Amino acid sequence: MTNPSDNTHESKSSLSPEIAFGLLANEQRRAVLQWFTNETVDVVKVATLADHVHEEIDTVDTPRQAQITLTHCHLRKLANYDIIKFNSDDGLVRYQYFPQIEAILIIANQYE
């Protein structure tokens, strides 16, 4: 988990608790954001995130299934709130650091 005091990610403005909890209510979105908080890079290909989601979530049968769901639903939702920047043309996802999202992920990971 990224520690805000030694974080290499750029911090963004805050989200309301309702929006933050709503975004993290989905297991695939949590897996994507968890990947970013565990890594030191801020930009990644959708295929890499799809592989991670497939490995982490039992109900996702294939990386292709994860990629379709991420591309058409979950990444767009995260992008709508500027949690990520998503370019579907080149398949790149750029993480935007939100301290409250990472704080909620820490708590959620204790119960998963």
PDB file of N, CA and C in Angstrom:
ATOM      1  N   MET A   1       0.849  -1.173   0.000  1.00  0.00           N
ATOM      2  CA  MET A   1       0.000   0.000   0.000  1.00  0.00           C
ATOM      3  C   MET A   1       0.889   1.228   0.000  1.00  0.00           C
ATOM      4  N   THR A   2       0.524   2.195  -0.737  1.00  0.00           N
ATOM      5  CA  THR A   2       1.294   3.427  -0.817  1.00  0.00           C
ATOM      6  C   THR A   2       1.103   4.237   0.449  1.00  0.00           C
ATOM      7  N   ASN A   3       2.175   4.744   0.996  1.00  0.00           N
ATOM      8  CA  ASN A   3       2.123   5.611   2.160  1.00  0.00           C
ATOM      9  C   ASN A   3       2.113   7.045   1.659  1.00  0.00           C
ATOM     10  N   PRO A   4       1.092   7.846   2.013  1.00  0.00           N
ATOM     11  CA  PRO A   4       1.022   9.207   1.492  1.00  0.00           C
ATOM     12  C   PRO A   4       2.256  10.046   1.802  1.00  0.00           C
ATOM     13  N   SER A   5       2.953   9.767   2.875  1.00  0.00           N
ATOM     14  CA  SER A   5       4.114  10.572   3.216  1.00  0.00           C
ATOM     15  C   SER A   5       5.300  10.324   2.292  1.00  0.00           C
ATOM     16  N   ASP A   6       5.388   9.131   1.708  1.00  0.00           N
ATOM     17  CA  ASP A   6       6.484   8.854   0.780  1.00  0.00           C
ATOM     18  C   ASP A   6       5.955   8.445  -0.586  1.00  0.00           C
ATOM     19  N   ASN A   7       4.814   8.971  -0.942  1.00  0.00           N
ATOM     20  CA  ASN A   7       4.124   8.587  -2.164  1.00  0.00           C
ATOM     21  C   ASN A   7       4.753   9.243  -3.390  1.00  0.00           C
ATOM     22  N   THR A   8       4.891   8.439  -4.447  1.00  0.00           N
ATOM     23  CA  THR A   8       5.375   8.971  -5.714  1.00  0.00           C
ATOM     24  C   THR A   8       4.221   9.382  -6.616  1.00  0.00           C
ATOM     25  N   HIS A   9       2.985   9.020  -6.229  1.00  0.00           N
ATOM     26  CA  HIS A   9       1.805   9.382  -7.009  1.00  0.00           C
ATOM     27  C   HIS A   9       1.414  10.823  -6.707  1.00  0.00           C
ATOM     28  N   GLU A  10       0.914  11.516  -7.723  1.00  0.00           N
ATOM     29  CA  GLU A  10       0.452  12.887  -7.566  1.00  0.00           C
ATOM     30  C   GLU A  10      -0.919  12.888  -6.883  1.00  0.00           C
ATOM     31  N   SER A  11      -1.087  13.711  -5.840  1.00  0.00           N
ATOM     32  CA  SER A  11      -2.338  13.783  -5.108  1.00  0.00           C
ATOM     33  C   SER A  11      -3.360  14.645  -5.846  1.00  0.00           C
ATOM     34  N   LYS A  12      -4.602  14.215  -5.831  1.00  0.00           N
ATOM     35  CA  LYS A  12      -5.706  14.948  -6.451  1.00  0.00           C
ATOM     36  C   LYS A  12      -6.634  15.446  -5.351  1.00  0.00           C
ATOM     37  N   SER A  13      -7.633  16.222  -5.739  1.00  0.00           N
ATOM     38  CA  SER A  13      -8.604  16.724  -4.774  1.00  0.00           C
ATOM     39  C   SER A  13      -9.427  15.568  -4.211  1.00  0.00           C
ATOM     40  N   SER A  14     -10.182  15.859  -3.167  1.00  0.00           N
ATOM     41  CA  SER A  14     -10.903  14.796  -2.467  1.00  0.00           C
ATOM     42  C   SER A  14     -12.238  14.471  -3.131  1.00  0.00           C
ATOM     43  N   LEU A  15     -12.732  13.303  -2.776  1.00  0.00           N
ATOM     44  CA  LEU A  15     -14.045  12.831  -3.207  1.00  0.00           C
ATOM     45  C   LEU A  15     -14.945  12.775  -1.986  1.00  0.00           C
ATOM     46  N   SER A  16     -16.247  12.873  -2.199  1.00  0.00           N
ATOM     47  CA  SER A  16     -17.162  12.687  -1.073  1.00  0.00           C
ATOM     48  C   SER A  16     -17.112  11.222  -0.642  1.00  0.00           C
ATOM     49  N   PRO A  17     -17.409  10.946   0.623  1.00  0.00           N
ATOM     50  CA  PRO A  17     -17.417   9.544   1.073  1.00  0.00           C
ATOM     51  C   PRO A  17     -18.376   8.676   0.266  1.00  0.00           C
ATOM     52  N   GLU A  18     -19.520   9.209  -0.109  1.00  0.00           N
ATOM     53  CA  GLU A  18     -20.489   8.432  -0.877  1.00  0.00           C
ATOM     54  C   GLU A  18     -19.915   7.990  -2.213  1.00  0.00           C
ATOM     55  N   ILE A  19     -19.238   8.901  -2.896  1.00  0.00           N
ATOM     56  CA  ILE A  19     -18.638   8.565  -4.193  1.00  0.00           C
ATOM     57  C   ILE A  19     -17.490   7.586  -4.007  1.00  0.00           C
ATOM     58  N   ALA A  20     -16.612   7.845  -3.037  1.00  0.00           N
ATOM     59  CA  ALA A  20     -15.465   6.961  -2.806  1.00  0.00           C
ATOM     60  C   ALA A  20     -15.923   5.541  -2.487  1.00  0.00           C
ATOM     61  N   PHE A  21     -16.885   5.398  -1.567  1.00  0.00           N
ATOM     62  CA  PHE A  21     -17.383   4.059  -1.225  1.00  0.00           C
ATOM     63  C   PHE A  21     -18.104   3.417  -2.400  1.00  0.00           C
ATOM     64  N   GLY A  22     -18.832   4.207  -3.169  1.00  0.00           N
ATOM     65  CA  GLY A  22     -19.513   3.665  -4.343  1.00  0.00           C
ATOM     66  C   GLY A  22     -18.540   3.128  -5.379  1.00  0.00           C
ATOM     67  N   LEU A  23     -17.462   3.857  -5.613  1.00  0.00           N
ATOM     68  CA  LEU A  23     -16.461   3.406  -6.577  1.00  0.00           C
ATOM     69  C   LEU A  23     -15.772   2.135  -6.108  1.00  0.00           C
ATOM     70  N   LEU A  24     -15.560   2.027  -4.801  1.00  0.00           N
ATOM     71  CA  LEU A  24     -14.856   0.868  -4.263  1.00  0.00           C
ATOM     72  C   LEU A  24     -15.785  -0.298  -3.936  1.00  0.00           C
ATOM     73  N   ALA A  25     -17.073  -0.134  -4.179  1.00  0.00           N
ATOM     74  CA  ALA A  25     -18.018  -1.215  -3.905  1.00  0.00           C
ATOM     75  C   ALA A  25     -17.831  -2.391  -4.859  1.00  0.00           C
ATOM     76  N   ASN A  26     -17.244  -2.129  -6.020  1.00  0.00           N
ATOM     77  CA  ASN A  26     -17.047  -3.191  -7.005  1.00  0.00           C
ATOM     78  C   ASN A  26     -15.674  -3.833  -6.849  1.00  0.00           C
ATOM     79  N   GLU A  27     -15.650  -5.152  -6.828  1.00  0.00           N
ATOM     80  CA  GLU A  27     -14.418  -5.912  -6.612  1.00  0.00           C
ATOM     81  C   GLU A  27     -13.377  -5.680  -7.715  1.00  0.00           C
ATOM     82  N   GLN A  28     -13.817  -5.540  -8.968  1.00  0.00           N
ATOM     83  CA  GLN A  28     -12.865  -5.314 -10.056  1.00  0.00           C
ATOM     84  C   GLN A  28     -12.229  -3.938  -9.955  1.00  0.00           C
ATOM     85  N   ARG A  29     -13.016  -2.924  -9.597  1.00  0.00           N
ATOM     86  CA  ARG A  29     -12.436  -1.592  -9.432  1.00  0.00           C
ATOM     87  C   ARG A  29     -11.460  -1.577  -8.256  1.00  0.00           C
ATOM     88  N   ARG A  30     -11.805  -2.280  -7.163  1.00  0.00           N
ATOM     89  CA  ARG A  30     -10.858  -2.369  -6.037  1.00  0.00           C
ATOM     90  C   ARG A  30      -9.568  -3.045  -6.463  1.00  0.00           C
ATOM     91  N   ALA A  31      -9.665  -4.094  -7.262  1.00  0.00           N
ATOM     92  CA  ALA A  31      -8.460  -4.805  -7.712  1.00  0.00           C
ATOM     93  C   ALA A  31      -7.577  -3.901  -8.568  1.00  0.00           C
ATOM     94  N   VAL A  32      -8.179  -3.113  -9.440  1.00  0.00           N
ATOM     95  CA  VAL A  32      -7.418  -2.182 -10.278  1.00  0.00           C
ATOM     96  C   VAL A  32      -6.700  -1.162  -9.411  1.00  0.00           C
ATOM     97  N   LEU A  33      -7.423  -0.545  -8.492  1.00  0.00           N
ATOM     98  CA  LEU A  33      -6.807   0.479  -7.646  1.00  0.00           C
ATOM     99  C   LEU A  33      -5.771  -0.117  -6.706  1.00  0.00           C
ATOM    100  N   GLN A  34      -6.018  -1.341  -6.256  1.00  0.00           N
ATOM    101  CA  GLN A  34      -5.030  -2.021  -5.412  1.00  0.00           C
ATOM    102  C   GLN A  34      -3.739  -2.267  -6.195  1.00  0.00           C
ATOM    103  N   TRP A  35      -3.860  -2.610  -7.472  1.00  0.00           N
ATOM    104  CA  TRP A  35      -2.665  -2.823  -8.298  1.00  0.00           C
ATOM    105  C   TRP A  35      -1.819  -1.553  -8.306  1.00  0.00           C
ATOM    106  N   PHE A  36      -2.459  -0.417  -8.536  1.00  0.00           N
ATOM    107  CA  PHE A  36      -1.713   0.848  -8.578  1.00  0.00           C
ATOM    108  C   PHE A  36      -1.090   1.187  -7.234  1.00  0.00           C
ATOM    109  N   THR A  37      -1.782   0.938  -6.146  1.00  0.00           N
ATOM    110  CA  THR A  37      -1.215   1.294  -4.840  1.00  0.00           C
ATOM    111  C   THR A  37      -0.050   0.387  -4.460  1.00  0.00           C
ATOM    112  N   ASN A  38       0.009  -0.799  -5.058  1.00  0.00           N
ATOM    113  CA  ASN A  38       1.113  -1.723  -4.775  1.00  0.00           C
ATOM    114  C   ASN A  38       2.304  -1.537  -5.702  1.00  0.00           C
ATOM    115  N   GLU A  39       2.144  -0.796  -6.779  1.00  0.00           N
ATOM    116  CA  GLU A  39       3.195  -0.618  -7.774  1.00  0.00           C
ATOM    117  C   GLU A  39       3.784   0.789  -7.686  1.00  0.00           C
ATOM    118  N   THR A  40       4.953   0.966  -8.269  1.00  0.00           N
ATOM    119  CA  THR A  40       5.600   2.282  -8.267  1.00  0.00           C
ATOM    120  C   THR A  40       5.381   3.030  -9.573  1.00  0.00           C
ATOM    121  N   VAL A  41       4.657   2.422 -10.507  1.00  0.00           N
ATOM    122  CA  VAL A  41       4.379   3.081 -11.782  1.00  0.00           C
ATOM    123  C   VAL A  41       2.969   3.653 -11.768  1.00  0.00           C
ATOM    124  N   ASP A  42       2.780   4.728 -12.521  1.00  0.00           N
ATOM    125  CA  ASP A  42       1.479   5.379 -12.595  1.00  0.00           C
ATOM    126  C   ASP A  42       0.750   5.105 -13.907  1.00  0.00           C
ATOM    127  N   VAL A  43       1.435   4.480 -14.876  1.00  0.00           N
ATOM    128  CA  VAL A  43       0.830   4.210 -16.187  1.00  0.00           C
ATOM    129  C   VAL A  43       1.012   2.731 -16.509  1.00  0.00           C
ATOM    130  N   VAL A  44      -0.065   2.119 -17.011  1.00  0.00           N
ATOM    131  CA  VAL A  44      -0.030   0.693 -17.326  1.00  0.00           C
ATOM    132  C   VAL A  44      -1.018   0.413 -18.459  1.00  0.00           C
ATOM    133  N   LYS A  45      -0.779  -0.660 -19.167  1.00  0.00           N
ATOM    134  CA  LYS A  45      -1.695  -1.120 -20.212  1.00  0.00           C
ATOM    135  C   LYS A  45      -2.910  -1.805 -19.571  1.00  0.00           C
ATOM    136  N   VAL A  46      -4.051  -1.666 -20.221  1.00  0.00           N
ATOM    137  CA  VAL A  46      -5.270  -2.321 -19.750  1.00  0.00           C
ATOM    138  C   VAL A  46      -5.049  -3.826 -19.639  1.00  0.00           C
ATOM    139  N   ALA A  47      -4.306  -4.415 -20.569  1.00  0.00           N
ATOM    140  CA  ALA A  47      -4.067  -5.863 -20.548  1.00  0.00           C
ATOM    141  C   ALA A  47      -3.387  -6.307 -19.256  1.00  0.00           C
ATOM    142  N   THR A  48      -2.487  -5.500 -18.729  1.00  0.00           N
ATOM    143  CA  THR A  48      -1.818  -5.828 -17.470  1.00  0.00           C
ATOM    144  C   THR A  48      -2.818  -5.814 -16.319  1.00  0.00           C
ATOM    145  N   LEU A  49      -3.681  -4.813 -16.296  1.00  0.00           N
ATOM    146  CA  LEU A  49      -4.714  -4.754 -15.262  1.00  0.00           C
ATOM    147  C   LEU A  49      -5.695  -5.911 -15.403  1.00  0.00           C
ATOM    148  N   ALA A  50      -6.030  -6.277 -16.638  1.00  0.00           N
ATOM    149  CA  ALA A  50      -6.941  -7.397 -16.876  1.00  0.00           C
ATOM    150  C   ALA A  50      -6.333  -8.700 -16.357  1.00  0.00           C
ATOM    151  N   ASP A  51      -5.050  -8.897 -16.581  1.00  0.00           N
ATOM    152  CA  ASP A  51      -4.373 -10.093 -16.045  1.00  0.00           C
ATOM    153  C   ASP A  51      -4.462 -10.112 -14.523  1.00  0.00           C
ATOM    154  N   HIS A  52      -4.235  -8.964 -13.910  1.00  0.00           N
ATOM    155  CA  HIS A  52      -4.287  -8.862 -12.447  1.00  0.00           C
ATOM    156  C   HIS A  52      -5.696  -9.165 -11.931  1.00  0.00           C
ATOM    157  N   VAL A  53      -6.704  -8.574 -12.554  1.00  0.00           N
ATOM    158  CA  VAL A  53      -8.092  -8.807 -12.139  1.00  0.00           C
ATOM    159  C   VAL A  53      -8.438 -10.285 -12.273  1.00  0.00           C
ATOM    160  N   HIS A  54      -8.030 -10.897 -13.367  1.00  0.00           N
ATOM    161  CA  HIS A  54      -8.290 -12.327 -13.581  1.00  0.00           C
ATOM    162  C   HIS A  54      -7.632 -13.171 -12.495  1.00  0.00           C
ATOM    163  N   GLU A  55      -6.413 -12.835 -12.120  1.00  0.00           N
ATOM    164  CA  GLU A  55      -5.698 -13.582 -11.076  1.00  0.00           C
ATOM    165  C   GLU A  55      -6.315 -13.390  -9.690  1.00  0.00           C
ATOM    166  N   GLU A  56      -6.835 -12.213  -9.422  1.00  0.00           N
ATOM    167  CA  GLU A  56      -7.320 -11.880  -8.082  1.00  0.00           C
ATOM    168  C   GLU A  56      -8.778 -12.252  -7.826  1.00  0.00           C
ATOM    169  N   ILE A  57      -9.597 -12.319  -8.861  1.00  0.00           N
ATOM    170  CA  ILE A  57     -11.040 -12.488  -8.668  1.00  0.00           C
ATOM    171  C   ILE A  57     -11.486 -13.807  -9.283  1.00  0.00           C
ATOM    172  N   ASP A  58     -11.995 -14.687  -8.448  1.00  0.00           N
ATOM    173  CA  ASP A  58     -12.385 -16.029  -8.883  1.00  0.00           C
ATOM    174  C   ASP A  58     -13.488 -16.040  -9.924  1.00  0.00           C
ATOM    175  N   THR A  59     -14.377 -15.068  -9.888  1.00  0.00           N
ATOM    176  CA  THR A  59     -15.521 -15.074 -10.811  1.00  0.00           C
ATOM    177  C   THR A  59     -15.181 -14.541 -12.198  1.00  0.00           C
ATOM    178  N   VAL A  60     -13.958 -14.058 -12.382  1.00  0.00           N
ATOM    179  CA  VAL A  60     -13.508 -13.592 -13.699  1.00  0.00           C
ATOM    180  C   VAL A  60     -12.770 -14.759 -14.350  1.00  0.00           C
ATOM    181  N   ASP A  61     -13.385 -15.332 -15.386  1.00  0.00           N
ATOM    182  CA  ASP A  61     -12.893 -16.579 -15.968  1.00  0.00           C
ATOM    183  C   ASP A  61     -11.641 -16.439 -16.823  1.00  0.00           C
ATOM    184  N   THR A  62     -11.491 -15.317 -17.522  1.00  0.00           N
ATOM    185  CA  THR A  62     -10.354 -15.151 -18.420  1.00  0.00           C
ATOM    186  C   THR A  62      -9.858 -13.702 -18.368  1.00  0.00           C
ATOM    187  N   PRO A  63      -8.599 -13.481 -18.728  1.00  0.00           N
ATOM    188  CA  PRO A  63      -8.128 -12.098 -18.842  1.00  0.00           C
ATOM    189  C   PRO A  63      -8.930 -11.305 -19.871  1.00  0.00           C
ATOM    190  N   ARG A  64      -9.366 -11.954 -20.937  1.00  0.00           N
ATOM    191  CA  ARG A  64     -10.160 -11.268 -21.967  1.00  0.00           C
ATOM    192  C   ARG A  64     -11.484 -10.768 -21.388  1.00  0.00           C
ATOM    193  N   GLN A  65     -12.139 -11.605 -20.576  1.00  0.00           N
ATOM    194  CA  GLN A  65     -13.373 -11.192 -19.920  1.00  0.00           C
ATOM    195  C   GLN A  65     -13.118  -9.970 -19.036  1.00  0.00           C
ATOM    196  N   ALA A  66     -12.030  -9.996 -18.290  1.00  0.00           N
ATOM    197  CA  ALA A  66     -11.675  -8.862 -17.436  1.00  0.00           C
ATOM    198  C   ALA A  66     -11.418  -7.614 -18.270  1.00  0.00           C
ATOM    199  N   GLN A  67     -10.702  -7.776 -19.378  1.00  0.00           N
ATOM    200  CA  GLN A  67     -10.380  -6.625 -20.222  1.00  0.00           C
ATOM    201  C   GLN A  67     -11.638  -5.981 -20.794  1.00  0.00           C
ATOM    202  N   ILE A  68     -12.585  -6.783 -21.221  1.00  0.00           N
ATOM    203  CA  ILE A  68     -13.832  -6.243 -21.775  1.00  0.00           C
ATOM    204  C   ILE A  68     -14.595  -5.474 -20.699  1.00  0.00           C
ATOM    205  N   THR A  69     -14.735  -6.070 -19.534  1.00  0.00           N
ATOM    206  CA  THR A  69     -15.470  -5.416 -18.455  1.00  0.00           C
ATOM    207  C   THR A  69     -14.764  -4.145 -17.995  1.00  0.00           C
ATOM    208  N   LEU A  70     -13.442  -4.215 -17.868  1.00  0.00           N
ATOM    209  CA  LEU A  70     -12.694  -3.029 -17.461  1.00  0.00           C
ATOM    210  C   LEU A  70     -12.846  -1.911 -18.486  1.00  0.00           C
ATOM    211  N   THR A  71     -12.672  -2.250 -19.752  1.00  0.00           N
ATOM    212  CA  THR A  71     -12.698  -1.245 -20.813  1.00  0.00           C
ATOM    213  C   THR A  71     -14.066  -0.595 -20.957  1.00  0.00           C
ATOM    214  N   HIS A  72     -15.106  -1.369 -20.882  1.00  0.00           N
ATOM    215  CA  HIS A  72     -16.439  -0.845 -21.171  1.00  0.00           C
ATOM    216  C   HIS A  72     -17.194  -0.359 -19.937  1.00  0.00           C
ATOM    217  N   CYS A  73     -16.691  -0.656 -18.760  1.00  0.00           N
ATOM    218  CA  CYS A  73     -17.441  -0.269 -17.560  1.00  0.00           C
ATOM    219  C   CYS A  73     -16.555   0.376 -16.489  1.00  0.00           C
ATOM    220  N   HIS A  74     -15.712  -0.408 -15.869  1.00  0.00           N
ATOM    221  CA  HIS A  74     -15.034   0.008 -14.651  1.00  0.00           C
ATOM    222  C   HIS A  74     -14.001   1.110 -14.846  1.00  0.00           C
ATOM    223  N   LEU A  75     -13.201   1.039 -15.891  1.00  0.00           N
ATOM    224  CA  LEU A  75     -12.209   2.094 -16.111  1.00  0.00           C
ATOM    225  C   LEU A  75     -12.882   3.411 -16.461  1.00  0.00           C
ATOM    226  N   ARG A  76     -13.947   3.335 -17.218  1.00  0.00           N
ATOM    227  CA  ARG A  76     -14.687   4.560 -17.572  1.00  0.00           C
ATOM    228  C   ARG A  76     -15.294   5.212 -16.322  1.00  0.00           C
ATOM    229  N   LYS A  77     -15.806   4.388 -15.423  1.00  0.00           N
ATOM    230  CA  LYS A  77     -16.388   4.930 -14.192  1.00  0.00           C
ATOM    231  C   LYS A  77     -15.314   5.602 -13.346  1.00  0.00           C
ATOM    232  N   LEU A  78     -14.158   4.966 -13.198  1.00  0.00           N
ATOM    233  CA  LEU A  78     -13.055   5.577 -12.447  1.00  0.00           C
ATOM    234  C   LEU A  78     -12.570   6.853 -13.128  1.00  0.00           C
ATOM    235  N   ALA A  79     -12.550   6.853 -14.453  1.00  0.00           N
ATOM    236  CA  ALA A  79     -12.117   8.037 -15.205  1.00  0.00           C
ATOM    237  C   ALA A  79     -13.111   9.189 -15.047  1.00  0.00           C
ATOM    238  N   ASN A  80     -14.390   8.874 -14.918  1.00  0.00           N
ATOM    239  CA  ASN A  80     -15.400   9.920 -14.735  1.00  0.00           C
ATOM    240  C   ASN A  80     -15.146  10.750 -13.479  1.00  0.00           C
ATOM    241  N   TYR A  81     -14.491  10.143 -12.490  1.00  0.00           N
ATOM    242  CA  TYR A  81     -14.184  10.848 -11.238  1.00  0.00           C
ATOM    243  C   TYR A  81     -12.710  11.215 -11.134  1.00  0.00           C
ATOM    244  N   ASP A  82     -11.988  11.136 -12.250  1.00  0.00           N
ATOM    245  CA  ASP A  82     -10.568  11.493 -12.323  1.00  0.00           C
ATOM    246  C   ASP A  82      -9.674  10.665 -11.409  1.00  0.00           C
ATOM    247  N   ILE A  83     -10.111   9.464 -11.033  1.00  0.00           N
ATOM    248  CA  ILE A  83      -9.257   8.548 -10.276  1.00  0.00           C
ATOM    249  C   ILE A  83      -8.150   8.048 -11.206  1.00  0.00           C
ATOM    250  N   ILE A  84      -8.518   7.852 -12.458  1.00  0.00           N
ATOM    251  CA  ILE A  84      -7.562   7.445 -13.490  1.00  0.00           C
ATOM    252  C   ILE A  84      -7.801   8.307 -14.722  1.00  0.00           C
ATOM    253  N   LYS A  85      -6.841   8.301 -15.608  1.00  0.00           N
ATOM    254  CA  LYS A  85      -7.006   8.801 -16.971  1.00  0.00           C
ATOM    255  C   LYS A  85      -6.943   7.561 -17.843  1.00  0.00           C
ATOM    256  N   PHE A  86      -7.916   7.405 -18.718  1.00  0.00           N
ATOM    257  CA  PHE A  86      -7.997   6.203 -19.539  1.00  0.00           C
ATOM    258  C   PHE A  86      -8.099   6.591 -20.997  1.00  0.00           C
ATOM    259  N   ASN A  87      -7.164   6.078 -21.805  1.00  0.00           N
ATOM    260  CA  ASN A  87      -7.165   6.298 -23.240  1.00  0.00           C
ATOM    261  C   ASN A  87      -7.460   4.958 -23.906  1.00  0.00           C
ATOM    262  N   SER A  88      -8.679   4.791 -24.373  1.00  0.00           N
ATOM    263  CA  SER A  88      -9.053   3.513 -24.979  1.00  0.00           C
ATOM    264  C   SER A  88      -8.359   3.274 -26.316  1.00  0.00           C
ATOM    265  N   ASP A  89      -7.900   4.346 -26.969  1.00  0.00           N
ATOM    266  CA  ASP A  89      -7.216   4.178 -28.254  1.00  0.00           C
ATOM    267  C   ASP A  89      -5.877   3.461 -28.108  1.00  0.00           C
ATOM    268  N   ASP A  90      -5.092   3.845 -27.101  1.00  0.00           N
ATOM    269  CA  ASP A  90      -3.794   3.181 -26.919  1.00  0.00           C
ATOM    270  C   ASP A  90      -3.794   2.175 -25.769  1.00  0.00           C
ATOM    271  N   GLY A  91      -4.923   2.059 -25.063  1.00  0.00           N
ATOM    272  CA  GLY A  91      -5.036   1.069 -23.990  1.00  0.00           C
ATOM    273  C   GLY A  91      -4.242   1.404 -22.749  1.00  0.00           C
ATOM    274  N   LEU A  92      -3.938   2.686 -22.548  1.00  0.00           N
ATOM    275  CA  LEU A  92      -3.158   3.079 -21.373  1.00  0.00           C
ATOM    276  C   LEU A  92      -4.049   3.641 -20.270  1.00  0.00           C
ATOM    277  N   VAL A  93      -3.688   3.299 -19.037  1.00  0.00           N
ATOM    278  CA  VAL A  93      -4.395   3.781 -17.857  1.00  0.00           C
ATOM    279  C   VAL A  93      -3.376   4.500 -16.986  1.00  0.00           C
ATOM    280  N   ARG A  94      -3.687   5.736 -16.597  1.00  0.00           N
ATOM    281  CA  ARG A  94      -2.808   6.529 -15.732  1.00  0.00           C
ATOM    282  C   ARG A  94      -3.525   6.766 -14.408  1.00  0.00           C
ATOM    283  N   TYR A  95      -2.877   6.390 -13.311  1.00  0.00           N
ATOM    284  CA  TYR A  95      -3.434   6.533 -11.969  1.00  0.00           C
ATOM    285  C   TYR A  95      -3.244   7.948 -11.445  1.00  0.00           C
ATOM    286  N   GLN A  96      -4.299   8.473 -10.796  1.00  0.00           N
ATOM    287  CA  GLN A  96      -4.252   9.764 -10.122  1.00  0.00           C
ATOM    288  C   GLN A  96      -4.432   9.478  -8.627  1.00  0.00           C
ATOM    289  N   TYR A  97      -3.504   9.872  -7.809  1.00  0.00           N
ATOM    290  CA  TYR A  97      -3.515   9.547  -6.384  1.00  0.00           C
ATOM    291  C   TYR A  97      -4.631  10.275  -5.621  1.00  0.00           C
ATOM    292  N   PHE A  98      -5.454   9.514  -4.914  1.00  0.00           N
ATOM    293  CA  PHE A  98      -6.495  10.042  -4.039  1.00  0.00           C
ATOM    294  C   PHE A  98      -6.273   9.436  -2.653  1.00  0.00           C
ATOM    295  N   PRO A  99      -5.838  10.216  -1.676  1.00  0.00           N
ATOM    296  CA  PRO A  99      -5.544   9.667  -0.347  1.00  0.00           C
ATOM    297  C   PRO A  99      -6.712   8.916   0.291  1.00  0.00           C
ATOM    298  N   GLN A 100      -7.940   9.436   0.156  1.00  0.00           N
ATOM    299  CA  GLN A 100      -9.052   8.759   0.808  1.00  0.00           C
ATOM    300  C   GLN A 100      -9.366   7.417   0.160  1.00  0.00           C
ATOM    301  N   ILE A 101      -9.133   7.274  -1.135  1.00  0.00           N
ATOM    302  CA  ILE A 101      -9.324   5.981  -1.798  1.00  0.00           C
ATOM    303  C   ILE A 101      -8.334   4.966  -1.228  1.00  0.00           C
ATOM    304  N   GLU A 102      -7.084   5.366  -1.102  1.00  0.00           N
ATOM    305  CA  GLU A 102      -6.080   4.443  -0.576  1.00  0.00           C
ATOM    306  C   GLU A 102      -6.334   4.103   0.886  1.00  0.00           C
ATOM    307  N   ALA A 103      -6.838   5.048   1.663  1.00  0.00           N
ATOM    308  CA  ALA A 103      -7.166   4.779   3.068  1.00  0.00           C
ATOM    309  C   ALA A 103      -8.291   3.745   3.168  1.00  0.00           C
ATOM    310  N   ILE A 104      -9.299   3.869   2.324  1.00  0.00           N
ATOM    311  CA  ILE A 104     -10.409   2.906   2.323  1.00  0.00           C
ATOM    312  C   ILE A 104      -9.914   1.538   1.868  1.00  0.00           C
ATOM    313  N   LEU A 105      -9.019   1.504   0.888  1.00  0.00           N
ATOM    314  CA  LEU A 105      -8.468   0.217   0.421  1.00  0.00           C
ATOM    315  C   LEU A 105      -7.717  -0.510   1.528  1.00  0.00           C
ATOM    316  N   ILE A 106      -7.012   0.217   2.362  1.00  0.00           N
ATOM    317  CA  ILE A 106      -6.288  -0.393   3.482  1.00  0.00           C
ATOM    318  C   ILE A 106      -7.278  -1.127   4.380  1.00  0.00           C
ATOM    319  N   ILE A 107      -8.373  -0.473   4.710  1.00  0.00           N
ATOM    320  CA  ILE A 107      -9.381  -1.074   5.574  1.00  0.00           C
ATOM    321  C   ILE A 107     -10.051  -2.249   4.866  1.00  0.00           C
ATOM    322  N   ALA A 108     -10.430  -2.087   3.613  1.00  0.00           N
ATOM    323  CA  ALA A 108     -11.098  -3.151   2.865  1.00  0.00           C
ATOM    324  C   ALA A 108     -10.231  -4.396   2.771  1.00  0.00           C
ATOM    325  N   ASN A 109      -8.931  -4.229   2.587  1.00  0.00           N
ATOM    326  CA  ASN A 109      -8.031  -5.377   2.462  1.00  0.00           C
ATOM    327  C   ASN A 109      -7.964  -6.209   3.731  1.00  0.00           C
ATOM    328  N   GLN A 110      -8.239  -5.605   4.864  1.00  0.00           N
ATOM    329  CA  GLN A 110      -8.231  -6.348   6.127  1.00  0.00           C
ATOM    330  C   GLN A 110      -9.388  -7.332   6.213  1.00  0.00           C
ATOM    331  N   TYR A 111     -10.428  -7.109   5.394  1.00  0.00           N
ATOM    332  CA  TYR A 111     -11.621  -7.942   5.478  1.00  0.00           C
ATOM    333  C   TYR A 111     -11.833  -8.819   4.261  1.00  0.00           C
ATOM    334  N   GLU A 112     -10.951  -8.747   3.279  1.00  0.00           N
ATOM    335  CA  GLU A 112     -11.096  -9.579   2.084  1.00  0.00           C
ATOM    336  C   GLU A 112     -10.243 -10.819   2.199  1.00  0.00           C
TER     337      GLU A 112
END
